[in-house]
PDB file of N, CA and C in Angstrom:
ATOM      1  N   UNK A   1     119.619 110.104  75.506  1.00  0.00           N
ATOM      2  CA  UNK A   1     119.255 110.232  76.902  1.00  0.00           C
ATOM      3  C   UNK A   1     117.758 110.001  77.127  1.00  0.00           C
ATOM      4  N   UNK A   2     116.863 110.541  76.278  1.00  0.00           N
ATOM      5  CA  UNK A   2     115.438 110.291  76.479  1.00  0.00           C
ATOM      6  C   UNK A   2     115.085 108.805  76.377  1.00  0.00           C
ATOM      7  N   UNK A   3     115.808 108.048  75.550  1.00  0.00           N
ATOM      8  CA  UNK A   3     115.528 106.624  75.427  1.00  0.00           C
ATOM      9  C   UNK A   3     115.829 105.907  76.740  1.00  0.00           C
ATOM     10  N   UNK A   4     116.902 106.301  77.419  1.00  0.00           N
ATOM     11  CA  UNK A   4     117.254 105.686  78.696  1.00  0.00           C
ATOM     12  C   UNK A   4     116.199 106.026  79.743  1.00  0.00           C
ATOM     13  N   UNK A   5     115.758 107.277  79.772  1.00  0.00           N
ATOM     14  CA  UNK A   5     114.724 107.682  80.728  1.00  0.00           C
ATOM     15  C   UNK A   5     113.430 106.927  80.482  1.00  0.00           C
ATOM     16  N   UNK A   6     113.068 106.742  79.242  1.00  0.00           N
ATOM     17  CA  UNK A   6     111.862 106.003  78.899  1.00  0.00           C
ATOM     18  C   UNK A   6     111.996 104.537  79.308  1.00  0.00           C
ATOM     19  N   UNK A   7     113.165 103.964  79.086  1.00  0.00           N
ATOM     20  CA  UNK A   7     113.404 102.575  79.470  1.00  0.00           C
ATOM     21  C   UNK A   7     113.307 102.408  80.991  1.00  0.00           C
ATOM     22  N   UNK A   8     113.887 103.325  81.732  1.00  0.00           N
ATOM     23  CA  UNK A   8     113.818 103.276  83.194  1.00  0.00           C
ATOM     24  C   UNK A   8     112.374 103.406  83.656  1.00  0.00           C
ATOM     25  N   UNK A   9     111.615 104.283  83.065  1.00  0.00           N
ATOM     26  CA  UNK A   9     110.209 104.462  83.422  1.00  0.00           C
ATOM     27  C   UNK A   9     109.404 103.195  83.148  1.00  0.00           C
ATOM     28  N   UNK A  10     109.644 102.568  82.017  1.00  0.00           N
ATOM     29  CA  UNK A  10     108.936 101.331  81.674  1.00  0.00           C
ATOM     30  C   UNK A  10     109.281 100.222  82.663  1.00  0.00           C
ATOM     31  N   UNK A  11     110.556 100.102  83.007  1.00  0.00           N
ATOM     32  CA  UNK A  11     110.969  99.091  83.982  1.00  0.00           C
ATOM     33  C   UNK A  11     110.349  99.357  85.356  1.00  0.00           C
ATOM     34  N   UNK A  12     110.323 100.605  85.763  1.00  0.00           N
ATOM     35  CA  UNK A  12     109.732 100.974  87.050  1.00  0.00           C
ATOM     36  C   UNK A  12     108.242 100.631  87.073  1.00  0.00           C
ATOM     37  N   UNK A  13     107.539 100.937  86.011  1.00  0.00           N
ATOM     38  CA  UNK A  13     106.116 100.613  85.942  1.00  0.00           C
ATOM     39  C   UNK A  13     105.883  99.103  85.950  1.00  0.00           C
ATOM     40  N   UNK A  14     106.764  98.356  85.305  1.00  0.00           N
ATOM     41  CA  UNK A  14     106.631  96.900  85.296  1.00  0.00           C
ATOM     42  C   UNK A  14     106.831  96.334  86.697  1.00  0.00           C
ATOM     43  N   UNK A  15     107.811  96.856  87.419  1.00  0.00           N
ATOM     44  CA  UNK A  15     108.062  96.395  88.788  1.00  0.00           C
ATOM     45  C   UNK A  15     106.891  96.750  89.696  1.00  0.00           C
ATOM     46  N   UNK A  16     106.418  97.971  89.610  1.00  0.00           N
ATOM     47  CA  UNK A  16     105.286  98.384  90.436  1.00  0.00           C
ATOM     48  C   UNK A  16     104.029  97.597  90.093  1.00  0.00           C
ATOM     49  N   UNK A  17     103.825  97.309  88.841  1.00  0.00           N
ATOM     50  CA  UNK A  17     102.678  96.498  88.434  1.00  0.00           C
ATOM     51  C   UNK A  17     102.764  95.090  88.994  1.00  0.00           C
ATOM     52  N   UNK A  18     103.947  94.528  88.996  1.00  0.00           N
ATOM     53  CA  UNK A  18     104.142  93.203  89.564  1.00  0.00           C
ATOM     54  C   UNK A  18     103.905  93.181  91.058  1.00  0.00           C
ATOM     55  N   UNK A  19     104.321  94.233  91.752  1.00  0.00           N
ATOM     56  CA  UNK A  19     104.111  94.320  93.204  1.00  0.00           C
ATOM     57  C   UNK A  19     102.630  94.437  93.526  1.00  0.00           C
ATOM     58  N   UNK A  20     101.911  95.240  92.799  1.00  0.00           N
ATOM     59  CA  UNK A  20     100.492  95.411  93.092  1.00  0.00           C
ATOM     60  C   UNK A  20      99.707  94.145  92.747  1.00  0.00           C
ATOM     61  N   UNK A  21     100.131  93.411  91.733  1.00  0.00           N
ATOM     62  CA  UNK A  21      99.454  92.164  91.392  1.00  0.00           C
ATOM     63  C   UNK A  21      99.659  91.135  92.490  1.00  0.00           C
ATOM     64  N   UNK A  22     100.820  91.162  93.134  1.00  0.00           N
ATOM     65  CA  UNK A  22     101.107  90.213  94.205  1.00  0.00           C
ATOM     66  C   UNK A  22     100.205  90.462  95.416  1.00  0.00           C
ATOM     67  N   UNK A  23      99.879  91.697  95.704  1.00  0.00           N
ATOM     68  CA  UNK A  23      99.037  92.018  96.855  1.00  0.00           C
ATOM     69  C   UNK A  23      97.653  91.395  96.734  1.00  0.00           C
ATOM     70  N   UNK A  24      97.174  91.224  95.541  1.00  0.00           N
ATOM     71  CA  UNK A  24      95.818  90.731  95.332  1.00  0.00           C
ATOM     72  C   UNK A  24      95.782  89.243  95.002  1.00  0.00           C
ATOM     73  N   UNK A  25      96.916  88.589  95.128  1.00  0.00           N
ATOM     74  CA  UNK A  25      96.956  87.167  94.821  1.00  0.00           C
ATOM     75  C   UNK A  25      96.144  86.381  95.847  1.00  0.00           C
ATOM     76  N   UNK A  26      95.592  85.276  95.401  1.00  0.00           N
ATOM     77  CA  UNK A  26      94.795  84.433  96.285  1.00  0.00           C
ATOM     78  C   UNK A  26      95.660  83.933  97.438  1.00  0.00           C
ATOM     79  N   UNK A  27      95.151  84.048  98.655  1.00  0.00           N
ATOM     80  CA  UNK A  27      95.876  83.585  99.830  1.00  0.00           C
ATOM     81  C   UNK A  27      96.783  84.625 100.447  1.00  0.00           C
ATOM     82  N   UNK A  28      96.889  85.816  99.845  1.00  0.00           N
ATOM     83  CA  UNK A  28      97.740  86.844 100.423  1.00  0.00           C
ATOM     84  C   UNK A  28      97.016  87.535 101.576  1.00  0.00           C
ATOM     85  N   UNK A  29      97.788  88.166 102.440  1.00  0.00           N
ATOM     86  CA  UNK A  29      97.217  88.839 103.595  1.00  0.00           C
ATOM     87  C   UNK A  29      97.163  90.335 103.366  1.00  0.00           C
ATOM     88  N   UNK A  30      96.197  90.970 103.994  1.00  0.00           N
ATOM     89  CA  UNK A  30      96.045  92.411 103.916  1.00  0.00           C
ATOM     90  C   UNK A  30      96.296  93.017 105.291  1.00  0.00           C
ATOM     91  N   UNK A  31      96.432  94.311 105.335  1.00  0.00           N
ATOM     92  CA  UNK A  31      96.608  95.013 106.603  1.00  0.00           C
ATOM     93  C   UNK A  31      95.427  94.706 107.509  1.00  0.00           C
ATOM     94  N   UNK A  32      95.717  94.333 108.755  1.00  0.00           N
ATOM     95  CA  UNK A  32      94.665  94.016 109.713  1.00  0.00           C
ATOM     96  C   UNK A  32      94.369  92.535 109.838  1.00  0.00           C
ATOM     97  N   UNK A  33      94.866  91.721 108.909  1.00  0.00           N
ATOM     98  CA  UNK A  33      94.664  90.273 108.999  1.00  0.00           C
ATOM     99  C   UNK A  33      95.503  89.698 110.141  1.00  0.00           C
ATOM    100  N   UNK A  34      95.037  88.613 110.712  1.00  0.00           N
ATOM    101  CA  UNK A  34      95.781  87.933 111.767  1.00  0.00           C
ATOM    102  C   UNK A  34      96.942  87.173 111.127  1.00  0.00           C
ATOM    103  N   UNK A  35      98.120  87.327 111.711  1.00  0.00           N
ATOM    104  CA  UNK A  35      99.310  86.669 111.175  1.00  0.00           C
ATOM    105  C   UNK A  35      99.291  85.184 111.484  1.00  0.00           C
ATOM    106  N   UNK A  36      99.789  84.390 110.575  1.00  0.00           N
ATOM    107  CA  UNK A  36      99.950  82.969 110.818  1.00  0.00           C
ATOM    108  C   UNK A  36     101.107  82.739 111.786  1.00  0.00           C
ATOM    109  N   UNK A  37     101.161  81.571 112.391  1.00  0.00           N
ATOM    110  CA  UNK A  37     102.221  81.270 113.340  1.00  0.00           C
ATOM    111  C   UNK A  37     103.554  81.124 112.609  1.00  0.00           C
ATOM    112  N   UNK A  38     104.616  81.689 113.172  1.00  0.00           N
ATOM    113  CA  UNK A  38     105.944  81.601 112.583  1.00  0.00           C
ATOM    114  C   UNK A  38     106.984  81.642 113.689  1.00  0.00           C
ATOM    115  N   UNK A  39     108.200  81.273 113.354  1.00  0.00           N
ATOM    116  CA  UNK A  39     109.312  81.266 114.302  1.00  0.00           C
ATOM    117  C   UNK A  39     110.450  82.101 113.742  1.00  0.00           C
ATOM    118  N   UNK A  40     111.007  82.964 114.597  1.00  0.00           N
ATOM    119  CA  UNK A  40     112.145  83.809 114.231  1.00  0.00           C
ATOM    120  C   UNK A  40     113.175  83.766 115.354  1.00  0.00           C
ATOM    121  N   UNK A  41     114.447  84.032 115.047  1.00  0.00           N
ATOM    122  CA  UNK A  41     115.441  84.113 116.111  1.00  0.00           C
ATOM    123  C   UNK A  41     115.353  85.463 116.829  1.00  0.00           C
ATOM    124  N   UNK A  42     115.587  85.442 118.154  1.00  0.00           N
ATOM    125  CA  UNK A  42     115.633  86.705 118.892  1.00  0.00           C
ATOM    126  C   UNK A  42     117.044  87.276 118.820  1.00  0.00           C
ATOM    127  N   UNK A  43     117.305  88.347 119.569  1.00  0.00           N
ATOM    128  CA  UNK A  43     118.606  89.010 119.504  1.00  0.00           C
ATOM    129  C   UNK A  43     119.746  88.131 120.000  1.00  0.00           C
ATOM    130  N   UNK A  44     119.415  87.050 120.717  1.00  0.00           N
ATOM    131  CA  UNK A  44     120.436  86.135 121.215  1.00  0.00           C
ATOM    132  C   UNK A  44     120.534  84.861 120.376  1.00  0.00           C
ATOM    133  N   UNK A  45     119.720  84.760 119.346  1.00  0.00           N
ATOM    134  CA  UNK A  45     119.747  83.606 118.461  1.00  0.00           C
ATOM    135  C   UNK A  45     118.789  82.491 118.846  1.00  0.00           C
ATOM    136  N   UNK A  46     118.061  82.653 119.976  1.00  0.00           N
ATOM    137  CA  UNK A  46     117.098  81.637 120.403  1.00  0.00           C
ATOM    138  C   UNK A  46     115.834  81.733 119.554  1.00  0.00           C
ATOM    139  N   UNK A  47     115.246  80.589 119.228  1.00  0.00           N
ATOM    140  CA  UNK A  47     114.031  80.559 118.415  1.00  0.00           C
ATOM    141  C   UNK A  47     112.831  81.010 119.250  1.00  0.00           C
ATOM    142  N   UNK A  48     112.043  81.929 118.701  1.00  0.00           N
ATOM    143  CA  UNK A  48     110.838  82.428 119.357  1.00  0.00           C
ATOM    144  C   UNK A  48     109.675  82.247 118.389  1.00  0.00           C
ATOM    145  N   UNK A  49     108.621  81.594 118.851  1.00  0.00           N
ATOM    146  CA  UNK A  49     107.432  81.360 118.040  1.00  0.00           C
ATOM    147  C   UNK A  49     106.347  82.355 118.438  1.00  0.00           C
ATOM    148  N   UNK A  50     105.654  82.894 117.457  1.00  0.00           N
ATOM    149  CA  UNK A  50     104.618  83.885 117.720  1.00  0.00           C
ATOM    150  C   UNK A  50     103.573  83.362 118.695  1.00  0.00           C
ATOM    151  N   UNK A  51     103.132  82.141 118.536  1.00  0.00           N
ATOM    152  CA  UNK A  51     102.102  81.599 119.432  1.00  0.00           C
ATOM    153  C   UNK A  51     102.593  81.538 120.875  1.00  0.00           C
ATOM    154  N   UNK A  52     103.880  81.278 121.103  1.00  0.00           N
ATOM    155  CA  UNK A  52     104.437  81.265 122.450  1.00  0.00           C
ATOM    156  C   UNK A  52     104.433  82.660 123.058  1.00  0.00           C
ATOM    157  N   UNK A  53     104.763  83.656 122.272  1.00  0.00           N
ATOM    158  CA  UNK A  53     104.766  85.039 122.764  1.00  0.00           C
ATOM    159  C   UNK A  53     103.350  85.467 123.125  1.00  0.00           C
ATOM    160  N   UNK A  54     102.376  85.129 122.286  1.00  0.00           N
ATOM    161  CA  UNK A  54     100.996  85.563 122.515  1.00  0.00           C
ATOM    162  C   UNK A  54     100.342  84.855 123.701  1.00  0.00           C
ATOM    163  N   UNK A  55     100.927  83.748 124.180  1.00  0.00           N
ATOM    164  CA  UNK A  55     100.405  83.089 125.387  1.00  0.00           C
ATOM    165  C   UNK A  55     100.620  83.949 126.627  1.00  0.00           C
ATOM    166  N   UNK A  56     101.695  84.736 126.642  1.00  0.00           N
ATOM    167  CA  UNK A  56     102.023  85.543 127.817  1.00  0.00           C
ATOM    168  C   UNK A  56     101.891  87.044 127.593  1.00  0.00           C
ATOM    169  N   UNK A  57     101.691  87.481 126.356  1.00  0.00           N
ATOM    170  CA  UNK A  57     101.581  88.907 126.043  1.00  0.00           C
ATOM    171  C   UNK A  57     100.331  89.153 125.197  1.00  0.00           C
ATOM    172  N   UNK A  58      99.882  90.400 125.183  1.00  0.00           N
ATOM    173  CA  UNK A  58      98.684  90.761 124.418  1.00  0.00           C
ATOM    174  C   UNK A  58      98.965  91.054 122.952  1.00  0.00           C
ATOM    175  N   UNK A  59     100.212  91.097 122.582  1.00  0.00           N
ATOM    176  CA  UNK A  59     100.571  91.400 121.202  1.00  0.00           C
ATOM    177  C   UNK A  59     102.062  91.288 121.014  1.00  0.00           C
ATOM    178  N   UNK A  60     102.518  91.579 119.818  1.00  0.00           N
ATOM    179  CA  UNK A  60     103.940  91.503 119.510  1.00  0.00           C
ATOM    180  C   UNK A  60     104.283  92.529 118.444  1.00  0.00           C
ATOM    181  N   UNK A  61     105.487  93.058 118.536  1.00  0.00           N
ATOM    182  CA  UNK A  61     106.013  93.968 117.525  1.00  0.00           C
ATOM    183  C   UNK A  61     107.268  93.326 116.966  1.00  0.00           C
ATOM    184  N   UNK A  62     107.340  93.237 115.656  1.00  0.00           N
ATOM    185  CA  UNK A  62     108.504  92.646 115.008  1.00  0.00           C
ATOM    186  C   UNK A  62     109.279  93.770 114.336  1.00  0.00           C
ATOM    187  N   UNK A  63     110.516  93.966 114.781  1.00  0.00           N
ATOM    188  CA  UNK A  63     111.371  95.006 114.202  1.00  0.00           C
ATOM    189  C   UNK A  63     112.426  94.335 113.338  1.00  0.00           C
ATOM    190  N   UNK A  64     112.570  94.793 112.128  1.00  0.00           N
ATOM    191  CA  UNK A  64     113.526  94.222 111.182  1.00  0.00           C
ATOM    192  C   UNK A  64     114.378  95.352 110.625  1.00  0.00           C
ATOM    193  N   UNK A  65     115.664  95.289 110.888  1.00  0.00           N
ATOM    194  CA  UNK A  65     116.598  96.325 110.437  1.00  0.00           C
ATOM    195  C   UNK A  65     117.709  95.681 109.611  1.00  0.00           C
ATOM    196  N   UNK A  66     117.499  95.519 108.337  1.00  0.00           N
ATOM    197  CA  UNK A  66     118.537  94.885 107.521  1.00  0.00           C
ATOM    198  C   UNK A  66     119.784  95.783 107.418  1.00  0.00           C
ATOM    199  N   UNK A  67     120.893  95.214 107.791  1.00  0.00           N
ATOM    200  CA  UNK A  67     122.178  95.908 107.695  1.00  0.00           C
ATOM    201  C   UNK A  67     122.138  97.291 108.322  1.00  0.00           C
ATOM    202  N   UNK A  68     121.673  97.360 109.575  1.00  0.00           N
ATOM    203  CA  UNK A  68     121.585  98.660 110.236  1.00  0.00           C
ATOM    204  C   UNK A  68     122.944  99.158 110.728  1.00  0.00           C
ATOM    205  N   UNK A  69     123.986  98.337 110.556  1.00  0.00           N
ATOM    206  CA  UNK A  69     125.351  98.714 110.927  1.00  0.00           C
ATOM    207  C   UNK A  69     125.498  99.079 112.393  1.00  0.00           C
ATOM    208  N   UNK A  70     124.704  98.450 113.258  1.00  0.00           N
ATOM    209  CA  UNK A  70     124.825  98.740 114.683  1.00  0.00           C
ATOM    210  C   UNK A  70     126.056  98.023 115.241  1.00  0.00           C
ATOM    211  N   UNK A  71     126.558  98.517 116.344  1.00  0.00           N
ATOM    212  CA  UNK A  71     127.734  97.936 116.984  1.00  0.00           C
ATOM    213  C   UNK A  71     127.353  96.781 117.893  1.00  0.00           C
ATOM    214  N   UNK A  72     126.053  96.598 118.177  1.00  0.00           N
ATOM    215  CA  UNK A  72     125.610  95.567 119.118  1.00  0.00           C
ATOM    216  C   UNK A  72     125.423  94.247 118.424  1.00  0.00           C
TER     217      UNK A  72
END
């Protein structure tokens, strides 16, 4: 049992180390950076581009709920 716990700990540390290395990669964004322009579908499936939203609004909030099991 201790060998399995040690293996899980090593794997967890490897994953966390990989995630932290990705944050500091060249070209990555940090909290507070301006987002690049992108396009996502809205709730009706229509394409919405960030630059189009910012032409008429002062900001945008992007909500992402993977598999939220909603009825809508």
